[in-house]
Amino acid sequence: MHQKEHGTVSESANAGQLDESDALREALVLIEGAAGRGVPLRLVGGLAVRYLTPGYPPRTRARQDLDLASVSRTRPQLTDLLVETGYEPDKRFNALYGHKQLFFQSPKGRAVDVLVDRMEMCHVLEFADRIERHPITLDLTDLLLTKLQIVELTEKDVRDAVYLLSAYPVTERSEEQTIGLDRFGFVLADDWGWWRTVTLNLERIADIAGDLTPAGATHDPGDQLGELRQEADRVPKSLRWRIRARVGERKRWYRLPDEDSHD
């Protein structure tokens, strides 16, 4: 399986082979334009997984949205770039929620969501201080966590997680092109809710990973799911985690993902 090497957008084989109407190409052009202004802009979601696993069957759909991530310190410059490029901002939404999410409409009719500093869905994942770890997407471990934090997993979320675990190794420490147990354990160790959702999802995905593993997988996703599950139990937990664990599932431990979302 051919893994994506880190590099600029213009160096990417993906960029040169994509149709002008393709959502991934549009996103890569935006990321390159932002980089030229010193603005970190990264892929998240299915497009990020597609970019990172070009040897696997892509998950595409007509009028695919662009899901991106950036940081608050360069939000004005990013907004200027998007407006100058012809993207229409949702001014009301951006005024209310721009500290954590921006929404634009692409000239090609795509919805463009930009997460700012963190992802707030079922759980909160802070990524602002880690956004430089990969030039095109969020860090691999963070990207996997964005899938594992979803309480109601869909088939596409499961497939994305299996693809990442088929293409990249789980390692003790976060390095380039690896899924790091150190980062994974750090996120789970202080928040019982995070831990509960992730461990449930690891078990759910493990049950069907074999059916979704792509041909030519470099790694066995089932084995790697097992490593992640062991780390979730092994990592030392904080006092806050242990106190919340006493309550357990008697109280809801996750946030509803549609709260404060764009209409």
C-alpha atoms as a PDB file:
ATOM      1  CA  MET A   1       0.000   0.000   0.000  1.00  0.00           C
ATOM      2  CA  HIS A   2       1.331   3.416  -0.933  1.00  0.00           C
ATOM      3  CA  GLN A   3       1.322   5.798   2.034  1.00  0.00           C
ATOM      4  CA  LYS A   4       1.140   9.529   1.584  1.00  0.00           C
ATOM      5  CA  GLU A   5       4.441  11.279   2.175  1.00  0.00           C
ATOM      6  CA  HIS A   6       4.411  14.646   3.855  1.00  0.00           C
ATOM      7  CA  GLY A   7       4.915  17.509   1.459  1.00  0.00           C
ATOM      8  CA  THR A   8       3.329  20.520  -0.165  1.00  0.00           C
ATOM      9  CA  VAL A   9       0.021  20.350  -1.958  1.00  0.00           C
ATOM     10  CA  SER A  10       1.656  21.012  -5.310  1.00  0.00           C
ATOM     11  CA  GLU A  11       3.949  17.996  -4.749  1.00  0.00           C
ATOM     12  CA  SER A  12       0.996  15.717  -4.042  1.00  0.00           C
ATOM     13  CA  ALA A  13       0.172  13.060  -6.605  1.00  0.00           C
ATOM     14  CA  ASN A  14      -3.397  13.373  -5.393  1.00  0.00           C
ATOM     15  CA  ALA A  15      -3.644  17.005  -6.403  1.00  0.00           C
ATOM     16  CA  GLY A  16      -2.505  16.458  -9.953  1.00  0.00           C
ATOM     17  CA  GLN A  17      -4.814  13.531 -10.588  1.00  0.00           C
ATOM     18  CA  LEU A  18      -8.071  15.036  -9.306  1.00  0.00           C
ATOM     19  CA  ASP A  19     -10.820  16.520 -11.416  1.00  0.00           C
ATOM     20  CA  GLU A  20     -11.359  20.260 -11.040  1.00  0.00           C
ATOM     21  CA  SER A  21     -14.799  19.588  -9.530  1.00  0.00           C
ATOM     22  CA  ASP A  22     -13.454  17.206  -6.871  1.00  0.00           C
ATOM     23  CA  ALA A  23     -13.908  18.316  -3.264  1.00  0.00           C
ATOM     24  CA  LEU A  24     -10.444  17.109  -2.272  1.00  0.00           C
ATOM     25  CA  ARG A  25      -8.791  19.158  -4.996  1.00  0.00           C
ATOM     26  CA  GLU A  26     -10.724  22.250  -3.901  1.00  0.00           C
ATOM     27  CA  ALA A  27      -9.641  21.696  -0.311  1.00  0.00           C
ATOM     28  CA  LEU A  28      -5.994  21.188  -1.267  1.00  0.00           C
ATOM     29  CA  VAL A  29      -5.959  24.426  -3.251  1.00  0.00           C
ATOM     30  CA  LEU A  30      -7.358  26.259  -0.219  1.00  0.00           C
ATOM     31  CA  ILE A  31      -4.787  24.685   2.103  1.00  0.00           C
ATOM     32  CA  GLU A  32      -1.958  25.720  -0.218  1.00  0.00           C
ATOM     33  CA  GLY A  33      -3.294  29.264  -0.451  1.00  0.00           C
ATOM     34  CA  ALA A  34      -3.570  29.489   3.322  1.00  0.00           C
ATOM     35  CA  ALA A  35      -0.036  28.156   3.794  1.00  0.00           C
ATOM     36  CA  GLY A  36       1.219  30.918   1.514  1.00  0.00           C
ATOM     37  CA  ARG A  37      -0.155  33.433   4.016  1.00  0.00           C
ATOM     38  CA  GLY A  38       1.174  31.616   7.066  1.00  0.00           C
ATOM     39  CA  VAL A  39      -2.286  30.345   8.007  1.00  0.00           C
ATOM     40  CA  PRO A  40      -2.496  26.716   9.173  1.00  0.00           C
ATOM     41  CA  LEU A  41      -5.494  25.065   7.506  1.00  0.00           C
ATOM     42  CA  ARG A  42      -5.958  21.300   7.705  1.00  0.00           C
ATOM     43  CA  LEU A  43      -8.293  18.601   6.427  1.00  0.00           C
ATOM     44  CA  VAL A  44     -10.498  16.694   8.857  1.00  0.00           C
ATOM     45  CA  GLY A  45     -13.207  14.083   8.303  1.00  0.00           C
ATOM     46  CA  GLY A  46     -13.539  11.791   5.330  1.00  0.00           C
ATOM     47  CA  LEU A  47     -11.478  13.958   2.980  1.00  0.00           C
ATOM     48  CA  ALA A  48      -8.539  13.775   5.389  1.00  0.00           C
ATOM     49  CA  VAL A  49      -8.761   9.988   5.483  1.00  0.00           C
ATOM     50  CA  ARG A  50      -9.025   9.878   1.696  1.00  0.00           C
ATOM     51  CA  TYR A  51      -5.890  12.013   1.360  1.00  0.00           C
ATOM     52  CA  LEU A  52      -3.959   9.842   3.807  1.00  0.00           C
ATOM     53  CA  THR A  53      -5.015   6.530   2.245  1.00  0.00           C
ATOM     54  CA  PRO A  54      -4.873   7.108  -1.525  1.00  0.00           C
ATOM     55  CA  GLY A  55      -4.425   3.393  -2.222  1.00  0.00           C
ATOM     56  CA  TYR A  56      -7.801   2.456  -0.748  1.00  0.00           C
ATOM     57  CA  PRO A  57     -11.235   2.803  -2.408  1.00  0.00           C
ATOM     58  CA  PRO A  58     -12.235   6.453  -1.850  1.00  0.00           C
ATOM     59  CA  ARG A  59     -15.428   7.480  -0.112  1.00  0.00           C
ATOM     60  CA  THR A  60     -16.881  10.228  -2.301  1.00  0.00           C
ATOM     61  CA  ARG A  61     -20.269  11.774  -2.906  1.00  0.00           C
ATOM     62  CA  ALA A  62     -21.729  14.552  -5.038  1.00  0.00           C
ATOM     63  CA  ARG A  63     -21.461  18.050  -3.587  1.00  0.00           C
ATOM     64  CA  GLN A  64     -19.252  16.829  -0.763  1.00  0.00           C
ATOM     65  CA  ASP A  65     -18.748  19.412   1.989  1.00  0.00           C
ATOM     66  CA  LEU A  66     -15.307  20.653   2.978  1.00  0.00           C
ATOM     67  CA  ASP A  67     -14.428  19.956   6.621  1.00  0.00           C
ATOM     68  CA  LEU A  68     -11.350  21.875   7.717  1.00  0.00           C
ATOM     69  CA  ALA A  69      -9.535  22.958  10.867  1.00  0.00           C
ATOM     70  CA  SER A  70      -7.548  26.056  11.773  1.00  0.00           C
ATOM     71  CA  VAL A  71      -6.574  28.182  14.777  1.00  0.00           C
ATOM     72  CA  SER A  72      -7.942  31.357  16.335  1.00  0.00           C
ATOM     73  CA  ARG A  73      -4.698  33.311  16.075  1.00  0.00           C
ATOM     74  CA  THR A  74      -4.986  33.415  12.269  1.00  0.00           C
ATOM     75  CA  ARG A  75      -8.780  33.517  11.966  1.00  0.00           C
ATOM     76  CA  PRO A  76      -8.912  37.064  10.475  1.00  0.00           C
ATOM     77  CA  GLN A  77      -6.340  36.169   7.802  1.00  0.00           C
ATOM     78  CA  LEU A  78      -8.192  32.959   6.955  1.00  0.00           C
ATOM     79  CA  THR A  79     -11.501  34.802   6.660  1.00  0.00           C
ATOM     80  CA  ASP A  80      -9.891  37.385   4.352  1.00  0.00           C
ATOM     81  CA  LEU A  81      -8.446  34.628   2.156  1.00  0.00           C
ATOM     82  CA  LEU A  82     -11.756  32.792   1.824  1.00  0.00           C
ATOM     83  CA  VAL A  83     -13.727  35.951   1.035  1.00  0.00           C
ATOM     84  CA  GLU A  84     -11.142  37.084  -1.521  1.00  0.00           C
ATOM     85  CA  THR A  85     -11.329  33.654  -3.153  1.00  0.00           C
ATOM     86  CA  GLY A  86     -15.083  33.939  -3.561  1.00  0.00           C
ATOM     87  CA  TYR A  87     -16.363  32.052  -0.514  1.00  0.00           C
ATOM     88  CA  GLU A  88     -19.500  33.534   1.016  1.00  0.00           C
ATOM     89  CA  PRO A  89     -19.439  33.739   4.820  1.00  0.00           C
ATOM     90  CA  ASP A  90     -22.464  33.084   6.998  1.00  0.00           C
ATOM     91  CA  LYS A  91     -22.032  36.366   8.844  1.00  0.00           C
ATOM     92  CA  ARG A  92     -24.567  35.715  11.581  1.00  0.00           C
ATOM     93  CA  PHE A  93     -23.269  32.245  12.399  1.00  0.00           C
ATOM     94  CA  ASN A  94     -19.638  33.371  12.279  1.00  0.00           C
ATOM     95  CA  ALA A  95     -20.376  36.311  14.586  1.00  0.00           C
ATOM     96  CA  LEU A  96     -22.017  34.025  17.140  1.00  0.00           C
ATOM     97  CA  TYR A  97     -19.766  30.977  16.929  1.00  0.00           C
ATOM     98  CA  GLY A  98     -16.632  32.128  15.091  1.00  0.00           C
ATOM     99  CA  HIS A  99     -14.529  31.563  18.189  1.00  0.00           C
ATOM    100  CA  LYS A 100     -14.971  27.818  17.628  1.00  0.00           C
ATOM    101  CA  GLN A 101     -16.383  27.317  14.121  1.00  0.00           C
ATOM    102  CA  LEU A 102     -16.678  29.221  10.847  1.00  0.00           C
ATOM    103  CA  PHE A 103     -19.103  28.536   8.021  1.00  0.00           C
ATOM    104  CA  PHE A 104     -18.785  29.531   4.357  1.00  0.00           C
ATOM    105  CA  GLN A 105     -20.396  28.659   1.040  1.00  0.00           C
ATOM    106  CA  SER A 106     -18.032  27.661  -1.747  1.00  0.00           C
ATOM    107  CA  PRO A 107     -18.336  29.250  -5.231  1.00  0.00           C
ATOM    108  CA  LYS A 108     -19.070  25.663  -6.369  1.00  0.00           C
ATOM    109  CA  GLY A 109     -21.944  25.359  -3.918  1.00  0.00           C
ATOM    110  CA  ARG A 110     -20.173  23.362  -1.218  1.00  0.00           C
ATOM    111  CA  ALA A 111     -20.651  23.983   2.485  1.00  0.00           C
ATOM    112  CA  VAL A 112     -17.321  24.785   4.131  1.00  0.00           C
ATOM    113  CA  ASP A 113     -16.981  24.194   7.880  1.00  0.00           C
ATOM    114  CA  VAL A 114     -13.809  25.316   9.634  1.00  0.00           C
ATOM    115  CA  LEU A 115     -13.233  24.139  13.199  1.00  0.00           C
ATOM    116  CA  VAL A 116     -11.233  26.612  15.261  1.00  0.00           C
ATOM    117  CA  ASP A 117      -8.755  25.374  17.927  1.00  0.00           C
ATOM    118  CA  ARG A 118     -10.860  22.356  18.903  1.00  0.00           C
ATOM    119  CA  MET A 119     -13.507  19.901  17.808  1.00  0.00           C
ATOM    120  CA  GLU A 120     -16.634  20.034  19.961  1.00  0.00           C
ATOM    121  CA  MET A 121     -18.900  17.105  19.172  1.00  0.00           C
ATOM    122  CA  CYS A 122     -19.720  14.302  21.584  1.00  0.00           C
ATOM    123  CA  HIS A 123     -16.492  15.276  23.370  1.00  0.00           C
ATOM    124  CA  VAL A 124     -13.982  18.114  23.066  1.00  0.00           C
ATOM    125  CA  LEU A 125     -10.654  17.534  21.304  1.00  0.00           C
ATOM    126  CA  GLU A 126      -8.148  20.365  21.549  1.00  0.00           C
ATOM    127  CA  PHE A 127      -5.819  20.528  18.544  1.00  0.00           C
ATOM    128  CA  ALA A 128      -4.549  24.129  18.354  1.00  0.00           C
ATOM    129  CA  ASP A 129      -1.064  23.331  19.673  1.00  0.00           C
ATOM    130  CA  ARG A 130      -0.798  20.241  17.432  1.00  0.00           C
ATOM    131  CA  ILE A 131      -1.980  21.601  14.097  1.00  0.00           C
ATOM    132  CA  GLU A 132       1.537  21.931  12.683  1.00  0.00           C
ATOM    133  CA  ARG A 133       2.283  18.219  13.084  1.00  0.00           C
ATOM    134  CA  HIS A 134       1.047  17.419   9.557  1.00  0.00           C
ATOM    135  CA  PRO A 135       0.987  19.880   6.629  1.00  0.00           C
ATOM    136  CA  ILE A 136      -2.347  18.767   5.136  1.00  0.00           C
ATOM    137  CA  THR A 137      -4.456  16.995   7.781  1.00  0.00           C
ATOM    138  CA  LEU A 138      -4.807  16.960  11.522  1.00  0.00           C
ATOM    139  CA  ASP A 139      -2.296  14.766  13.321  1.00  0.00           C
ATOM    140  CA  LEU A 140      -3.053  11.074  12.691  1.00  0.00           C
ATOM    141  CA  THR A 141      -3.861  10.286  16.325  1.00  0.00           C
ATOM    142  CA  ASP A 142      -6.133  13.307  16.611  1.00  0.00           C
ATOM    143  CA  LEU A 143      -7.848  12.388  13.357  1.00  0.00           C
ATOM    144  CA  LEU A 144      -8.545   8.875  14.641  1.00  0.00           C
ATOM    145  CA  LEU A 145      -9.864  10.312  17.907  1.00  0.00           C
ATOM    146  CA  THR A 146     -12.313  12.517  15.985  1.00  0.00           C
ATOM    147  CA  LYS A 147     -13.881   9.274  14.765  1.00  0.00           C
ATOM    148  CA  LEU A 148     -13.694   7.339  18.035  1.00  0.00           C
ATOM    149  CA  GLN A 149     -15.433  10.138  19.989  1.00  0.00           C
ATOM    150  CA  ILE A 150     -18.703   9.724  18.051  1.00  0.00           C
ATOM    151  CA  VAL A 151     -21.310   8.035  20.238  1.00  0.00           C
ATOM    152  CA  GLU A 152     -23.548   6.998  17.341  1.00  0.00           C
ATOM    153  CA  LEU A 153     -21.019   5.687  14.834  1.00  0.00           C
ATOM    154  CA  THR A 154     -22.068   5.465  11.201  1.00  0.00           C
ATOM    155  CA  GLU A 155     -20.675   3.016   8.673  1.00  0.00           C
ATOM    156  CA  LYS A 156     -18.552   5.749   7.095  1.00  0.00           C
ATOM    157  CA  ASP A 157     -17.028   6.639  10.476  1.00  0.00           C
ATOM    158  CA  VAL A 158     -16.176   3.003  11.129  1.00  0.00           C
ATOM    159  CA  ARG A 159     -14.672   2.631   7.661  1.00  0.00           C
ATOM    160  CA  ASP A 160     -12.554   5.770   8.130  1.00  0.00           C
ATOM    161  CA  ALA A 161     -11.179   4.420  11.421  1.00  0.00           C
ATOM    162  CA  VAL A 162     -10.426   1.023   9.871  1.00  0.00           C
ATOM    163  CA  TYR A 163      -8.659   2.672   6.926  1.00  0.00           C
ATOM    164  CA  LEU A 164      -6.400   4.698   9.224  1.00  0.00           C
ATOM    165  CA  LEU A 165      -5.582   1.620  11.302  1.00  0.00           C
ATOM    166  CA  SER A 166      -4.909  -0.390   8.141  1.00  0.00           C
ATOM    167  CA  ALA A 167      -2.485   2.183   6.733  1.00  0.00           C
ATOM    168  CA  TYR A 168      -0.559   3.512   9.746  1.00  0.00           C
ATOM    169  CA  PRO A 169       1.088   1.790  12.728  1.00  0.00           C
ATOM    170  CA  VAL A 170       0.167   2.227  16.367  1.00  0.00           C
ATOM    171  CA  THR A 171       3.361   3.180  18.227  1.00  0.00           C
ATOM    172  CA  GLU A 172       4.293   4.000  21.804  1.00  0.00           C
ATOM    173  CA  ARG A 173       5.190   7.594  20.999  1.00  0.00           C
ATOM    174  CA  SER A 174       3.681   9.931  18.422  1.00  0.00           C
ATOM    175  CA  GLU A 175       5.962  10.200  15.420  1.00  0.00           C
ATOM    176  CA  GLU A 176       5.458  11.119  11.781  1.00  0.00           C
ATOM    177  CA  GLN A 177       2.882   8.893  10.128  1.00  0.00           C
ATOM    178  CA  THR A 178       2.040   6.951  13.284  1.00  0.00           C
ATOM    179  CA  ILE A 179      -0.870   6.691  15.703  1.00  0.00           C
ATOM    180  CA  GLY A 180       0.698   7.433  19.087  1.00  0.00           C
ATOM    181  CA  LEU A 181      -0.392   5.685  22.252  1.00  0.00           C
ATOM    182  CA  ASP A 182       1.021   8.584  24.285  1.00  0.00           C
ATOM    183  CA  ARG A 183      -1.415  11.093  22.781  1.00  0.00           C
ATOM    184  CA  PHE A 184      -4.265   8.556  22.781  1.00  0.00           C
ATOM    185  CA  GLY A 185      -3.759   7.755  26.466  1.00  0.00           C
ATOM    186  CA  PHE A 186      -3.365  11.413  27.427  1.00  0.00           C
ATOM    187  CA  VAL A 187      -6.805  12.296  26.061  1.00  0.00           C
ATOM    188  CA  LEU A 188      -8.532   9.344  27.753  1.00  0.00           C
ATOM    189  CA  ALA A 189      -6.761   9.493  31.118  1.00  0.00           C
ATOM    190  CA  ASP A 190      -8.379  12.687  32.414  1.00  0.00           C
ATOM    191  CA  ASP A 191     -11.942  12.271  31.176  1.00  0.00           C
ATOM    192  CA  TRP A 192     -14.039   9.190  31.964  1.00  0.00           C
ATOM    193  CA  GLY A 193     -16.585  10.212  29.342  1.00  0.00           C
ATOM    194  CA  TRP A 194     -13.955  10.236  26.603  1.00  0.00           C
ATOM    195  CA  TRP A 195     -12.687   6.883  27.848  1.00  0.00           C
ATOM    196  CA  ARG A 196     -16.144   5.318  27.921  1.00  0.00           C
ATOM    197  CA  THR A 197     -17.113   6.384  24.410  1.00  0.00           C
ATOM    198  CA  VAL A 198     -13.777   5.372  22.913  1.00  0.00           C
ATOM    199  CA  THR A 199     -13.655   1.968  24.581  1.00  0.00           C
ATOM    200  CA  LEU A 200     -17.196   1.192  23.479  1.00  0.00           C
ATOM    201  CA  ASN A 201     -16.313   2.164  19.927  1.00  0.00           C
ATOM    202  CA  LEU A 202     -13.090   0.147  19.888  1.00  0.00           C
ATOM    203  CA  GLU A 203     -15.146  -2.926  20.751  1.00  0.00           C
ATOM    204  CA  ARG A 204     -17.810  -2.132  18.148  1.00  0.00           C
ATOM    205  CA  ILE A 205     -15.262  -1.568  15.387  1.00  0.00           C
ATOM    206  CA  ALA A 206     -13.276  -4.674  16.315  1.00  0.00           C
ATOM    207  CA  ASP A 207     -16.367  -6.807  15.691  1.00  0.00           C
ATOM    208  CA  ILE A 208     -16.563  -5.755  12.031  1.00  0.00           C
ATOM    209  CA  ALA A 209     -13.042  -4.560  11.189  1.00  0.00           C
ATOM    210  CA  GLY A 210     -12.231  -7.736   9.295  1.00  0.00           C
ATOM    211  CA  ASP A 211     -15.087  -7.144   6.862  1.00  0.00           C
ATOM    212  CA  LEU A 212     -13.975  -3.559   6.169  1.00  0.00           C
ATOM    213  CA  THR A 213     -10.205  -4.035   5.932  1.00  0.00           C
ATOM    214  CA  PRO A 214      -9.116  -2.907   2.451  1.00  0.00           C
ATOM    215  CA  ALA A 215      -7.029  -5.055   0.145  1.00  0.00           C
ATOM    216  CA  GLY A 216      -3.335  -4.332   0.525  1.00  0.00           C
ATOM    217  CA  ALA A 217      -3.612  -3.179   4.145  1.00  0.00           C
ATOM    218  CA  THR A 218      -0.178  -2.572   5.642  1.00  0.00           C
ATOM    219  CA  HIS A 219      -1.336  -3.290   9.205  1.00  0.00           C
ATOM    220  CA  ASP A 220      -3.975  -5.499  10.813  1.00  0.00           C
ATOM    221  CA  PRO A 221      -6.639  -3.096  12.151  1.00  0.00           C
ATOM    222  CA  GLY A 222      -7.933  -5.764  14.538  1.00  0.00           C
ATOM    223  CA  ASP A 223      -4.546  -6.105  16.216  1.00  0.00           C
ATOM    224  CA  GLN A 224      -4.137  -2.339  16.416  1.00  0.00           C
ATOM    225  CA  LEU A 225      -7.597  -1.887  17.904  1.00  0.00           C
ATOM    226  CA  GLY A 226      -6.494  -4.349  20.573  1.00  0.00           C
ATOM    227  CA  GLU A 227      -3.391  -2.265  21.316  1.00  0.00           C
ATOM    228  CA  LEU A 228      -5.501   0.857  21.704  1.00  0.00           C
ATOM    229  CA  ARG A 229      -7.934  -0.968  23.992  1.00  0.00           C
ATOM    230  CA  GLN A 230      -5.081  -2.168  26.212  1.00  0.00           C
ATOM    231  CA  GLU A 231      -3.668   1.355  26.436  1.00  0.00           C
ATOM    232  CA  ALA A 232      -7.086   2.747  27.390  1.00  0.00           C
ATOM    233  CA  ASP A 233      -7.121   0.442  30.411  1.00  0.00           C
ATOM    234  CA  ARG A 234      -3.414   0.684  31.209  1.00  0.00           C
ATOM    235  CA  VAL A 235      -2.881   4.456  31.222  1.00  0.00           C
ATOM    236  CA  PRO A 236      -2.940   5.943  34.773  1.00  0.00           C
ATOM    237  CA  LYS A 237      -6.187   7.826  35.374  1.00  0.00           C
ATOM    238  CA  SER A 238      -6.603  11.230  37.000  1.00  0.00           C
ATOM    239  CA  LEU A 239      -8.560  11.870  40.190  1.00  0.00           C
ATOM    240  CA  ARG A 240     -11.215  13.598  38.072  1.00  0.00           C
ATOM    241  CA  TRP A 241     -11.529  10.440  35.935  1.00  0.00           C
ATOM    242  CA  ARG A 242     -11.894   8.191  38.978  1.00  0.00           C
ATOM    243  CA  ILE A 243     -14.543  10.408  40.595  1.00  0.00           C
ATOM    244  CA  ARG A 244     -16.605  10.494  37.403  1.00  0.00           C
ATOM    245  CA  ALA A 245     -16.197   6.726  36.955  1.00  0.00           C
ATOM    246  CA  ARG A 246     -18.136   6.172  40.189  1.00  0.00           C
ATOM    247  CA  VAL A 247     -21.217   7.699  38.555  1.00  0.00           C
ATOM    248  CA  GLY A 248     -20.701   5.674  35.381  1.00  0.00           C
ATOM    249  CA  GLU A 249     -23.487   5.474  32.827  1.00  0.00           C
ATOM    250  CA  ARG A 250     -26.173   6.581  35.278  1.00  0.00           C
ATOM    251  CA  LYS A 251     -25.507  10.099  33.992  1.00  0.00           C
ATOM    252  CA  ARG A 252     -25.002  11.023  30.342  1.00  0.00           C
ATOM    253  CA  TRP A 253     -21.294  11.300  29.657  1.00  0.00           C
ATOM    254  CA  TYR A 254     -21.322  12.867  26.186  1.00  0.00           C
ATOM    255  CA  ARG A 255     -22.580  15.995  24.481  1.00  0.00           C
ATOM    256  CA  LEU A 256     -25.275  15.952  21.804  1.00  0.00           C
ATOM    257  CA  PRO A 257     -23.379  16.734  18.581  1.00  0.00           C
ATOM    258  CA  ASP A 258     -26.091  18.937  17.046  1.00  0.00           C
ATOM    259  CA  GLU A 259     -25.944  21.559  19.793  1.00  0.00           C
ATOM    260  CA  ASP A 260     -24.819  24.920  18.339  1.00  0.00           C
ATOM    261  CA  SER A 261     -24.421  23.356  14.903  1.00  0.00           C
ATOM    262  CA  HIS A 262     -25.004  25.208  11.666  1.00  0.00           C
ATOM    263  CA  ASP A 263     -28.577  24.966  10.340  1.00  0.00           C
END
